[in-house]
Amino acid sequence: MTKSDWDYRGLAAECYDLWFGDEPFWDQAFFHGRIRQNGGVALEIACGTGRLLVPFLRDGLAVEGVDASEEMLAICRTKAAHLGVSPTLYQQLMQDLDLAPRYRTIFIPACSFQILAERDEAFETLRRCYRHLEPEGELLITLSVPWQDFGVERQWRLRRSGVRPSDGAAILIHEATVSDRIEQVQHIRMRYEVFQEGLLVQTQLRTHRLRWYHKHEFAMMLESVGFREVEMQCGYTDSSGTNPEAELIFIAKR
């Protein structure tokens, strides 16, 4: 099995939070509500720096986290310590998920499932999620299709910018993409740049892939590994399905 090529180290880990801004996040209320409604303990897959996990612990929810990057998990622990909470964290690839507990809710937010560029990895992850859920437990996965990128392929674009709190350095993140619409795989190049007093002092280039899915395709994938009562809603505030650029939120029962 080919392991996914996303690797959050160095600047990629350090600058991760620049992508999201401050609370409340666009998806925070949705996942908070589902976890509280389901009760029990939840697992966030690809929890990263704790964007959702740390606020959920602060709010009294029982949530554990798993991520492949030790550097991201270290940032998560630091953020949690500042709020006086102690997260239970595991370092594993999602396609290798192998934990002793079983969970009432498993959720993969921010379209992180799509970093699994190989289909066998995606199916294996779904099978492992199924096995790690309690009976009647719920899986929540968000996906998106990169519609907006199709018209600007091979063009470097500024995707994020911010200021590093530790030293005031300016961070710029540029991205260029090429999409294979037959295979539904997007090839991504990301360039991280650090400027101090107007001078470029550090840069990092990352290349990776992202696979997208359409709604009926992914529903069949969930059902094929045993999930039932599969539902899909389009976006977090409008479930009508009329906005093709909104995130697709899949909800499935074990």
Foldseek 3Di string as FASTA:
>chain_A
DDDFQDAQDDPNLLCVCQQFDAPPTQCQVVVLVVQVVLDWAEEEEQCFQPRNPLVSVLVPGHYAYEEQYPSRVVNNQVVNVVSPGGHHYYHDHLLPDDDDAATQEYEYPPQVLQSPLDVVSSLSSLLNNVVRHDAFGKYKYKFAQPVVQAVPAPDWDWNGWDARVVPRWIKTKIKHWDADVVSQKIKMKIKIFTDDPRDTDDIDIGIGMGHGDDDVVVVVSNVVSPWPPKDKAFGDPHRPPPDRGGMIMIMTTD
